[in-house]
C-alpha atoms as a PDB file:
ATOM      1  CA  MET A   1     103.143  29.326 160.501  1.00  0.00           C
ATOM      2  CA  LEU A   2     104.173  32.492 158.546  1.00  0.00           C
ATOM      3  CA  ILE A   3     103.000  32.977 154.848  1.00  0.00           C
ATOM      4  CA  LYS A   4     103.804  35.716 152.531  1.00  0.00           C
ATOM      5  CA  ALA A   5     100.510  37.244 151.256  1.00  0.00           C
ATOM      6  CA  TYR A   6     101.621  38.879 147.791  1.00  0.00           C
ATOM      7  CA  ALA A   7     100.023  42.021 146.000  1.00  0.00           C
ATOM      8  CA  LYS A   8      99.157  42.319 142.617  1.00  0.00           C
ATOM      9  CA  VAL A   9      98.413  44.500 139.594  1.00  0.00           C
ATOM     10  CA  ASN A  10      96.455  44.584 136.519  1.00  0.00           C
ATOM     11  CA  LEU A  11      98.198  44.355 133.255  1.00  0.00           C
ATOM     12  CA  SER A  12      94.668  44.820 132.047  1.00  0.00           C
ATOM     13  CA  LEU A  13      90.917  45.344 133.178  1.00  0.00           C
ATOM     14  CA  ASP A  14      88.125  45.378 131.036  1.00  0.00           C
ATOM     15  CA  VAL A  15      84.203  45.208 131.801  1.00  0.00           C
ATOM     16  CA  VAL A  16      82.412  43.342 129.340  1.00  0.00           C
ATOM     17  CA  GLY A  17      79.217  42.930 130.576  1.00  0.00           C
ATOM     18  CA  LYS A  18      77.025  42.980 133.634  1.00  0.00           C
ATOM     19  CA  ARG A  19      75.043  40.194 135.090  1.00  0.00           C
ATOM     20  CA  GLU A  20      71.233  40.324 136.515  1.00  0.00           C
ATOM     21  CA  ASP A  21      72.425  40.549 139.889  1.00  0.00           C
ATOM     22  CA  GLY A  22      74.345  43.813 139.292  1.00  0.00           C
ATOM     23  CA  TYR A  23      78.037  42.357 139.301  1.00  0.00           C
ATOM     24  CA  HIS A  24      79.971  43.313 136.222  1.00  0.00           C
ATOM     25  CA  ILE A  25      81.534  40.705 133.871  1.00  0.00           C
ATOM     26  CA  LEU A  26      85.342  41.217 133.812  1.00  0.00           C
ATOM     27  CA  GLU A  27      88.407  40.287 131.808  1.00  0.00           C
ATOM     28  CA  MET A  28      91.255  40.940 133.308  1.00  0.00           C
ATOM     29  CA  ILE A  29      94.850  40.032 133.513  1.00  0.00           C
ATOM     30  CA  MET A  30      96.726  39.825 136.775  1.00  0.00           C
ATOM     31  CA  GLN A  31     100.163  39.531 137.623  1.00  0.00           C
ATOM     32  CA  THR A  32     101.751  38.977 141.312  1.00  0.00           C
ATOM     33  CA  ILE A  33     104.493  41.560 142.563  1.00  0.00           C
ATOM     34  CA  ASP A  34     107.211  41.113 145.170  1.00  0.00           C
ATOM     35  CA  LEU A  35     105.334  43.199 147.487  1.00  0.00           C
ATOM     36  CA  TYR A  36     103.678  41.482 150.727  1.00  0.00           C
ATOM     37  CA  ASP A  37     101.925  41.320 153.914  1.00  0.00           C
ATOM     38  CA  LEU A  38     103.104  38.849 156.315  1.00  0.00           C
ATOM     39  CA  ILE A  39     100.708  36.163 158.248  1.00  0.00           C
ATOM     40  CA  ASN A  40     101.286  34.852 161.325  1.00  0.00           C
ATOM     41  CA  ILE A  41      98.889  31.997 162.042  1.00  0.00           C
ATOM     42  CA  LYS A  42      98.680  29.807 164.967  1.00  0.00           C
ATOM     43  CA  LYS A  43      96.166  27.386 166.343  1.00  0.00           C
ATOM     44  CA  THR A  44      94.162  27.904 169.484  1.00  0.00           C
ATOM     45  CA  ASN A  45      91.726  26.304 171.322  1.00  0.00           C
ATOM     46  CA  LYS A  46      88.725  28.018 170.145  1.00  0.00           C
ATOM     47  CA  GLY A  47      87.905  31.779 168.356  1.00  0.00           C
ATOM     48  CA  ILE A  48      89.157  33.517 166.115  1.00  0.00           C
ATOM     49  CA  ASN A  49      91.726  36.346 167.162  1.00  0.00           C
ATOM     50  CA  ILE A  50      93.393  39.186 164.480  1.00  0.00           C
ATOM     51  CA  SER A  51      96.069  41.773 164.911  1.00  0.00           C
ATOM     52  CA  CYS A  52      97.693  43.824 163.154  1.00  0.00           C
ATOM     53  CA  ASN A  53     100.660  46.430 163.106  1.00  0.00           C
ATOM     54  CA  LYS A  54      98.483  49.035 161.416  1.00  0.00           C
ATOM     55  CA  GLN A  55      95.818  50.637 163.928  1.00  0.00           C
ATOM     56  CA  TYR A  56      93.448  51.434 161.133  1.00  0.00           C
ATOM     57  CA  VAL A  57      93.210  48.308 159.713  1.00  0.00           C
ATOM     58  CA  PRO A  58      90.115  46.230 161.444  1.00  0.00           C
ATOM     59  CA  THR A  59      90.509  43.294 163.356  1.00  0.00           C
ATOM     60  CA  ASP A  60      87.045  42.243 163.595  1.00  0.00           C
ATOM     61  CA  GLU A  61      84.372  40.519 161.176  1.00  0.00           C
ATOM     62  CA  ARG A  62      84.946  43.341 158.589  1.00  0.00           C
ATOM     63  CA  ASN A  63      88.791  42.082 157.972  1.00  0.00           C
ATOM     64  CA  LEU A  64      88.760  39.579 155.140  1.00  0.00           C
ATOM     65  CA  ALA A  65      91.007  37.570 156.795  1.00  0.00           C
ATOM     66  CA  TYR A  66      88.820  36.898 159.677  1.00  0.00           C
ATOM     67  CA  LYS A  67      86.001  36.143 157.065  1.00  0.00           C
ATOM     68  CA  ALA A  68      88.478  33.895 155.473  1.00  0.00           C
ATOM     69  CA  ALA A  69      89.469  31.823 158.711  1.00  0.00           C
ATOM     70  CA  GLU A  70      85.364  31.956 159.978  1.00  0.00           C
ATOM     71  CA  LEU A  71      84.223  30.430 156.343  1.00  0.00           C
ATOM     72  CA  PHE A  72      87.121  27.912 156.278  1.00  0.00           C
ATOM     73  CA  MET A  73      86.348  26.860 160.018  1.00  0.00           C
ATOM     74  CA  LYS A  74      82.441  26.610 159.272  1.00  0.00           C
ATOM     75  CA  THR A  75      82.973  24.497 155.943  1.00  0.00           C
ATOM     76  CA  TYR A  76      85.147  22.139 156.974  1.00  0.00           C
ATOM     77  CA  ASN A  77      83.882  21.967 160.853  1.00  0.00           C
ATOM     78  CA  ILE A  78      86.874  22.922 162.642  1.00  0.00           C
ATOM     79  CA  CYS A  79      86.379  23.361 166.103  1.00  0.00           C
ATOM     80  CA  GLU A  80      89.571  24.832 167.136  1.00  0.00           C
ATOM     81  CA  GLY A  81      90.329  28.376 166.848  1.00  0.00           C
ATOM     82  CA  VAL A  82      93.201  30.686 165.088  1.00  0.00           C
ATOM     83  CA  ASP A  83      95.405  33.546 166.451  1.00  0.00           C
ATOM     84  CA  ILE A  84      96.272  35.607 162.966  1.00  0.00           C
ATOM     85  CA  TYR A  85      98.790  38.406 163.138  1.00  0.00           C
ATOM     86  CA  ILE A  86      98.716  40.410 160.017  1.00  0.00           C
ATOM     87  CA  LYS A  87     102.265  42.668 159.428  1.00  0.00           C
ATOM     88  CA  LYS A  88     100.846  44.966 156.815  1.00  0.00           C
ATOM     89  CA  TYR A  89     102.993  46.357 154.091  1.00  0.00           C
ATOM     90  CA  ILE A  90     100.475  46.344 151.012  1.00  0.00           C
ATOM     91  CA  PRO A  91      98.715  49.647 151.111  1.00  0.00           C
ATOM     92  CA  VAL A  92      95.057  49.888 152.106  1.00  0.00           C
ATOM     93  CA  ALA A  93      92.516  50.491 149.910  1.00  0.00           C
ATOM     94  CA  ALA A  94      94.787  50.980 146.818  1.00  0.00           C
ATOM     95  CA  GLY A  95      93.612  48.537 144.291  1.00  0.00           C
ATOM     96  CA  LEU A  96      96.513  45.964 145.203  1.00  0.00           C
ATOM     97  CA  ALA A  97      94.157  43.159 146.338  1.00  0.00           C
ATOM     98  CA  GLY A  98      95.763  43.823 149.997  1.00  0.00           C
ATOM     99  CA  GLY A  99      92.826  42.393 151.837  1.00  0.00           C
ATOM    100  CA  SER A 100      91.905  39.425 148.994  1.00  0.00           C
ATOM    101  CA  THR A 101      95.600  38.302 149.337  1.00  0.00           C
ATOM    102  CA  ASP A 102      95.316  38.329 153.056  1.00  0.00           C
ATOM    103  CA  ALA A 103      92.217  36.214 153.002  1.00  0.00           C
ATOM    104  CA  ALA A 104      93.819  33.954 150.322  1.00  0.00           C
ATOM    105  CA  ALA A 105      96.852  33.528 152.362  1.00  0.00           C
ATOM    106  CA  VAL A 106      94.654  32.579 155.090  1.00  0.00           C
ATOM    107  CA  LEU A 107      92.591  29.888 153.233  1.00  0.00           C
ATOM    108  CA  ARG A 108      96.036  28.604 152.169  1.00  0.00           C
ATOM    109  CA  ALA A 109      97.434  28.364 155.600  1.00  0.00           C
ATOM    110  CA  MET A 110      94.369  26.914 157.396  1.00  0.00           C
ATOM    111  CA  ARG A 111      94.201  24.127 154.442  1.00  0.00           C
ATOM    112  CA  ASN A 112      98.167  23.007 155.479  1.00  0.00           C
ATOM    113  CA  MET A 113      97.319  23.243 159.172  1.00  0.00           C
ATOM    114  CA  TYR A 114      93.774  20.952 159.053  1.00  0.00           C
ATOM    115  CA  ARG A 115      93.012  19.528 155.294  1.00  0.00           C
ATOM    116  CA  PRO A 116      96.097  19.235 153.420  1.00  0.00           C
ATOM    117  CA  ASP A 117      94.018  17.212 150.891  1.00  0.00           C
ATOM    118  CA  ILE A 118      91.840  19.818 149.883  1.00  0.00           C
ATOM    119  CA  SER A 119      92.631  21.235 146.274  1.00  0.00           C
ATOM    120  CA  ASP A 120      93.598  24.600 144.803  1.00  0.00           C
ATOM    121  CA  GLU A 121      90.289  24.569 143.210  1.00  0.00           C
ATOM    122  CA  LYS A 122      88.139  24.099 146.084  1.00  0.00           C
ATOM    123  CA  ILE A 123      89.994  26.995 148.223  1.00  0.00           C
ATOM    124  CA  MET A 124      89.426  29.385 145.195  1.00  0.00           C
ATOM    125  CA  LYS A 125      85.961  28.282 144.932  1.00  0.00           C
ATOM    126  CA  LEU A 126      85.604  29.082 148.669  1.00  0.00           C
ATOM    127  CA  GLY A 127      87.521  32.168 148.200  1.00  0.00           C
ATOM    128  CA  LEU A 128      85.102  33.704 145.948  1.00  0.00           C
ATOM    129  CA  ASN A 129      82.523  34.030 148.703  1.00  0.00           C
ATOM    130  CA  ILE A 130      84.748  36.528 150.396  1.00  0.00           C
ATOM    131  CA  GLY A 131      85.935  38.719 147.171  1.00  0.00           C
ATOM    132  CA  ALA A 132      86.272  38.353 143.678  1.00  0.00           C
ATOM    133  CA  ASP A 133      90.233  38.966 143.864  1.00  0.00           C
ATOM    134  CA  VAL A 134      90.549  36.262 146.272  1.00  0.00           C
ATOM    135  CA  PRO A 135      90.299  32.841 143.681  1.00  0.00           C
ATOM    136  CA  TYR A 136      93.679  34.663 141.493  1.00  0.00           C
ATOM    137  CA  CYS A 137      95.268  35.491 144.951  1.00  0.00           C
ATOM    138  CA  VAL A 138      95.088  31.856 145.813  1.00  0.00           C
ATOM    139  CA  VAL A 139      97.341  30.685 142.903  1.00  0.00           C
ATOM    140  CA  GLY A 140      98.918  34.015 142.026  1.00  0.00           C
ATOM    141  CA  GLY A 141     101.547  34.582 139.244  1.00  0.00           C
ATOM    142  CA  THR A 142     100.426  35.696 135.872  1.00  0.00           C
ATOM    143  CA  ALA A 143      96.981  34.788 134.975  1.00  0.00           C
ATOM    144  CA  LEU A 144      93.690  35.756 132.795  1.00  0.00           C
ATOM    145  CA  CYS A 145      90.463  36.293 135.127  1.00  0.00           C
ATOM    146  CA  GLU A 146      87.123  36.409 133.592  1.00  0.00           C
ATOM    147  CA  GLY A 147      83.714  36.338 134.631  1.00  0.00           C
ATOM    148  CA  ILE A 148      83.145  37.946 138.437  1.00  0.00           C
ATOM    149  CA  GLY A 149      86.682  36.926 139.248  1.00  0.00           C
ATOM    150  CA  GLU A 150      85.670  32.845 139.270  1.00  0.00           C
ATOM    151  CA  LYS A 151      87.765  31.519 136.013  1.00  0.00           C
ATOM    152  CA  VAL A 152      91.401  31.922 136.370  1.00  0.00           C
ATOM    153  CA  THR A 153      93.833  30.839 133.442  1.00  0.00           C
ATOM    154  CA  LYS A 154      97.139  30.895 134.162  1.00  0.00           C
ATOM    155  CA  LEU A 155      99.245  32.247 131.441  1.00  0.00           C
ATOM    156  CA  ASN A 156     103.270  32.173 130.676  1.00  0.00           C
ATOM    157  CA  SER A 157     105.067  33.878 133.985  1.00  0.00           C
ATOM    158  CA  PHE A 158     105.985  37.494 133.425  1.00  0.00           C
ATOM    159  CA  LYS A 159     108.539  37.374 136.099  1.00  0.00           C
ATOM    160  CA  ASN A 160     111.262  39.751 136.828  1.00  0.00           C
ATOM    161  CA  HIS A 161     110.455  42.888 135.191  1.00  0.00           C
ATOM    162  CA  ILE A 162     111.187  46.058 137.081  1.00  0.00           C
ATOM    163  CA  LEU A 163     108.262  48.585 138.156  1.00  0.00           C
ATOM    164  CA  VAL A 164     107.588  51.692 140.610  1.00  0.00           C
ATOM    165  CA  VAL A 165     104.385  51.628 142.433  1.00  0.00           C
ATOM    166  CA  VAL A 166     102.807  54.787 143.741  1.00  0.00           C
ATOM    167  CA  LYS A 167      99.830  55.151 146.225  1.00  0.00           C
ATOM    168  CA  PRO A 168      98.613  58.807 146.661  1.00  0.00           C
ATOM    169  CA  ALA A 169      97.351  59.615 150.262  1.00  0.00           C
ATOM    170  CA  PHE A 170      93.887  58.710 149.926  1.00  0.00           C
ATOM    171  CA  GLY A 171      91.781  55.274 149.165  1.00  0.00           C
ATOM    172  CA  VAL A 172      89.269  54.693 146.748  1.00  0.00           C
ATOM    173  CA  SER A 173      86.126  52.815 147.183  1.00  0.00           C
ATOM    174  CA  THR A 174      85.904  49.725 144.483  1.00  0.00           C
ATOM    175  CA  LYS A 175      81.996  49.416 145.414  1.00  0.00           C
ATOM    176  CA  GLU A 176      81.561  53.387 144.254  1.00  0.00           C
ATOM    177  CA  VAL A 177      84.040  53.090 141.096  1.00  0.00           C
ATOM    178  CA  TYR A 178      81.986  50.354 139.959  1.00  0.00           C
ATOM    179  CA  LYS A 179      78.612  52.031 140.936  1.00  0.00           C
ATOM    180  CA  SER A 180      79.940  55.153 138.487  1.00  0.00           C
ATOM    181  CA  LEU A 181      80.875  53.207 135.626  1.00  0.00           C
ATOM    182  CA  ASP A 182      78.768  53.595 132.488  1.00  0.00           C
ATOM    183  CA  ILE A 183      79.912  50.540 130.592  1.00  0.00           C
ATOM    184  CA  ASN A 184      78.033  52.016 127.243  1.00  0.00           C
ATOM    185  CA  LYS A 185      80.474  55.045 127.463  1.00  0.00           C
ATOM    186  CA  ILE A 186      83.550  52.950 127.146  1.00  0.00           C
ATOM    187  CA  LYS A 187      85.341  54.009 124.052  1.00  0.00           C
ATOM    188  CA  ARG A 188      88.413  51.978 124.170  1.00  0.00           C
ATOM    189  CA  HIS A 189      88.624  48.470 125.618  1.00  0.00           C
ATOM    190  CA  PRO A 190      92.194  46.465 126.422  1.00  0.00           C
ATOM    191  CA  ASP A 191      93.058  44.128 123.276  1.00  0.00           C
ATOM    192  CA  THR A 192      93.719  41.498 125.838  1.00  0.00           C
ATOM    193  CA  ASN A 193      94.984  38.877 122.772  1.00  0.00           C
ATOM    194  CA  LEU A 194      97.590  41.261 121.782  1.00  0.00           C
ATOM    195  CA  LEU A 195      98.482  41.518 125.740  1.00  0.00           C
ATOM    196  CA  ILE A 196      98.577  37.528 126.312  1.00  0.00           C
ATOM    197  CA  SER A 197     100.628  37.286 122.825  1.00  0.00           C
ATOM    198  CA  SER A 198     103.192  40.159 124.538  1.00  0.00           C
ATOM    199  CA  ILE A 199     103.703  37.971 127.777  1.00  0.00           C
ATOM    200  CA  GLU A 200     104.205  34.791 125.719  1.00  0.00           C
ATOM    201  CA  ALA A 201     106.981  36.499 124.006  1.00  0.00           C
ATOM    202  CA  ASN A 202     107.854  38.395 127.023  1.00  0.00           C
ATOM    203  CA  ASN A 203     107.656  41.453 125.218  1.00  0.00           C
ATOM    204  CA  LEU A 204     107.601  44.244 128.134  1.00  0.00           C
ATOM    205  CA  ASN A 205     107.543  46.887 125.211  1.00  0.00           C
ATOM    206  CA  THR A 206     104.609  45.965 123.521  1.00  0.00           C
ATOM    207  CA  LEU A 207     102.784  45.083 126.599  1.00  0.00           C
ATOM    208  CA  ALA A 208     103.848  48.225 128.749  1.00  0.00           C
ATOM    209  CA  ARG A 209     102.516  50.159 125.464  1.00  0.00           C
ATOM    210  CA  ASN A 210      99.185  48.672 125.390  1.00  0.00           C
ATOM    211  CA  MET A 211      98.145  48.133 128.954  1.00  0.00           C
ATOM    212  CA  LYS A 212      94.536  49.480 129.577  1.00  0.00           C
ATOM    213  CA  ASN A 213      92.274  49.619 132.463  1.00  0.00           C
ATOM    214  CA  VAL A 214      88.711  51.061 131.825  1.00  0.00           C
ATOM    215  CA  LEU A 215      88.091  51.960 135.306  1.00  0.00           C
ATOM    216  CA  GLU A 216      90.412  54.678 134.978  1.00  0.00           C
ATOM    217  CA  ASN A 217      87.210  56.265 133.284  1.00  0.00           C
ATOM    218  CA  VAL A 218      86.116  57.029 136.435  1.00  0.00           C
ATOM    219  CA  THR A 219      88.859  56.973 139.270  1.00  0.00           C
ATOM    220  CA  LEU A 220      91.235  59.370 136.815  1.00  0.00           C
ATOM    221  CA  TYR A 221      88.300  61.925 136.203  1.00  0.00           C
ATOM    222  CA  LYS A 222      87.494  62.110 139.910  1.00  0.00           C
ATOM    223  CA  HIS A 223      91.102  62.543 141.031  1.00  0.00           C
ATOM    224  CA  VAL A 224      93.281  64.264 138.118  1.00  0.00           C
ATOM    225  CA  VAL A 225      96.575  63.924 140.495  1.00  0.00           C
ATOM    226  CA  LEU A 226      96.513  60.230 139.299  1.00  0.00           C
ATOM    227  CA  LYS A 227      96.822  61.477 135.944  1.00  0.00           C
ATOM    228  CA  ASP A 228      99.808  63.535 136.715  1.00  0.00           C
ATOM    229  CA  ILE A 229     101.410  60.888 138.298  1.00  0.00           C
ATOM    230  CA  LYS A 230     100.969  58.812 135.101  1.00  0.00           C
ATOM    231  CA  LYS A 231     102.569  61.407 132.988  1.00  0.00           C
ATOM    232  CA  GLU A 232     105.618  62.122 135.237  1.00  0.00           C
ATOM    233  CA  MET A 233     106.439  58.358 135.438  1.00  0.00           C
ATOM    234  CA  ILE A 234     106.385  58.315 131.751  1.00  0.00           C
ATOM    235  CA  ASN A 235     108.062  61.541 131.420  1.00  0.00           C
ATOM    236  CA  MET A 236     110.895  59.912 133.850  1.00  0.00           C
ATOM    237  CA  GLY A 237     111.346  57.006 131.243  1.00  0.00           C
ATOM    238  CA  ALA A 238     108.934  54.275 132.094  1.00  0.00           C
ATOM    239  CA  GLN A 239     107.560  52.372 129.139  1.00  0.00           C
ATOM    240  CA  GLY A 240     104.076  52.495 130.249  1.00  0.00           C
ATOM    241  CA  ALA A 241     101.779  53.368 133.303  1.00  0.00           C
ATOM    242  CA  LEU A 242      98.553  51.937 134.838  1.00  0.00           C
ATOM    243  CA  MET A 243      95.929  52.341 137.556  1.00  0.00           C
ATOM    244  CA  SER A 244      96.010  49.059 139.010  1.00  0.00           C
ATOM    245  CA  GLY A 245      92.249  47.654 139.905  1.00  0.00           C
ATOM    246  CA  SER A 246      89.562  50.277 141.147  1.00  0.00           C
ATOM    247  CA  GLY A 247      93.011  52.598 142.253  1.00  0.00           C
ATOM    248  CA  PRO A 248      94.457  54.711 143.130  1.00  0.00           C
ATOM    249  CA  THR A 249      97.738  53.056 143.028  1.00  0.00           C
ATOM    250  CA  ILE A 250      99.525  53.734 139.753  1.00  0.00           C
ATOM    251  CA  PHE A 251     102.264  51.522 138.519  1.00  0.00           C
ATOM    252  CA  ALA A 252     104.839  51.781 135.765  1.00  0.00           C
ATOM    253  CA  PHE A 253     107.368  49.313 134.177  1.00  0.00           C
ATOM    254  CA  PHE A 254     111.136  50.231 133.609  1.00  0.00           C
ATOM    255  CA  SER A 255     113.532  48.356 131.165  1.00  0.00           C
ATOM    256  CA  ASP A 256     116.225  50.142 133.208  1.00  0.00           C
ATOM    257  CA  MET A 257     116.767  49.857 137.002  1.00  0.00           C
ATOM    258  CA  LEU A 258     118.765  53.108 137.211  1.00  0.00           C
ATOM    259  CA  LYS A 259     115.581  55.143 135.580  1.00  0.00           C
ATOM    260  CA  ALA A 260     113.339  53.041 137.865  1.00  0.00           C
ATOM    261  CA  GLN A 261     115.548  54.309 141.087  1.00  0.00           C
ATOM    262  CA  LEU A 262     115.257  57.752 139.743  1.00  0.00           C
ATOM    263  CA  CYS A 263     111.730  57.540 139.067  1.00  0.00           C
ATOM    264  CA  TYR A 264     111.565  55.952 142.674  1.00  0.00           C
ATOM    265  CA  ASP A 265     113.444  58.680 144.413  1.00  0.00           C
ATOM    266  CA  LYS A 266     111.480  61.653 143.072  1.00  0.00           C
ATOM    267  CA  MET A 267     108.166  60.074 143.507  1.00  0.00           C
ATOM    268  CA  LYS A 268     109.000  58.996 147.314  1.00  0.00           C
ATOM    269  CA  LYS A 269     109.460  62.650 148.257  1.00  0.00           C
ATOM    270  CA  LYS A 270     105.868  63.463 147.307  1.00  0.00           C
ATOM    271  CA  TYR A 271     104.051  60.021 148.209  1.00  0.00           C
ATOM    272  CA  ARG A 272     105.130  58.061 151.110  1.00  0.00           C
ATOM    273  CA  GLU A 273     103.746  54.835 150.205  1.00  0.00           C
ATOM    274  CA  THR A 274     106.253  54.584 146.801  1.00  0.00           C
ATOM    275  CA  PHE A 275     107.722  51.165 146.022  1.00  0.00           C
ATOM    276  CA  ILE A 276     110.021  49.695 143.604  1.00  0.00           C
ATOM    277  CA  THR A 277     109.851  46.147 143.031  1.00  0.00           C
ATOM    278  CA  ARG A 278     109.513  43.383 140.313  1.00  0.00           C
ATOM    279  CA  THR A 279     106.886  40.990 139.232  1.00  0.00           C
ATOM    280  CA  ILE A 280     107.267  37.315 140.426  1.00  0.00           C
END
């Protein structure tokens, strides 16, 4: 079975509190983009075998796709095994949910292969044990995600908007970013209601000008080049630019494909992992 595992960007990311167990309480708007990994999954007699076209991607228990397969098999008493090949296109450690979307794709595929009666809600609940972005990645599209990622509310589709995505040649640890974040020093929070209204009205201009990610307070401070990327994309005609997740990927919306193409061409010369794509 061949399945696409789509990347996401954050149209907003807010941290509104912290639980006693140390987990941050989030409020964020997520959006699927047309950039994906290809997951080829087959039944085998036993065990979990992971392979990938990128040598630096772990293929053992550290891989979230492995964790997803193992969790599904244990939860539903599956005695057979699976062979999973990941053709990776989504950058790693980028804030684009590359690992989480692979895990979600494996959960969906295994449901189709073994237990088609299981609801999305059950798959999402299972996915939360793997990572905070997995429940959203199970359903995708445009959604408001709250709590630690377990509450996903579908919004009006914000599809078909052009964006350029730039991932510099370094990764960022999500754990370290959240560890460095001081909630009390966040001066400006996203206006989530305004952003949702913009999505409902399909108003790219208002949305792009009001996107906000509070984790930029940490990641952009540590990596000043990200500020330069945002500024350059705005100067090239972007309606708005933002860091996705904990970074370091920066994306920018364009109302005009020609401007987007010019931006892509310029950025691609500096940053190998640059993409021109659309929301879906």
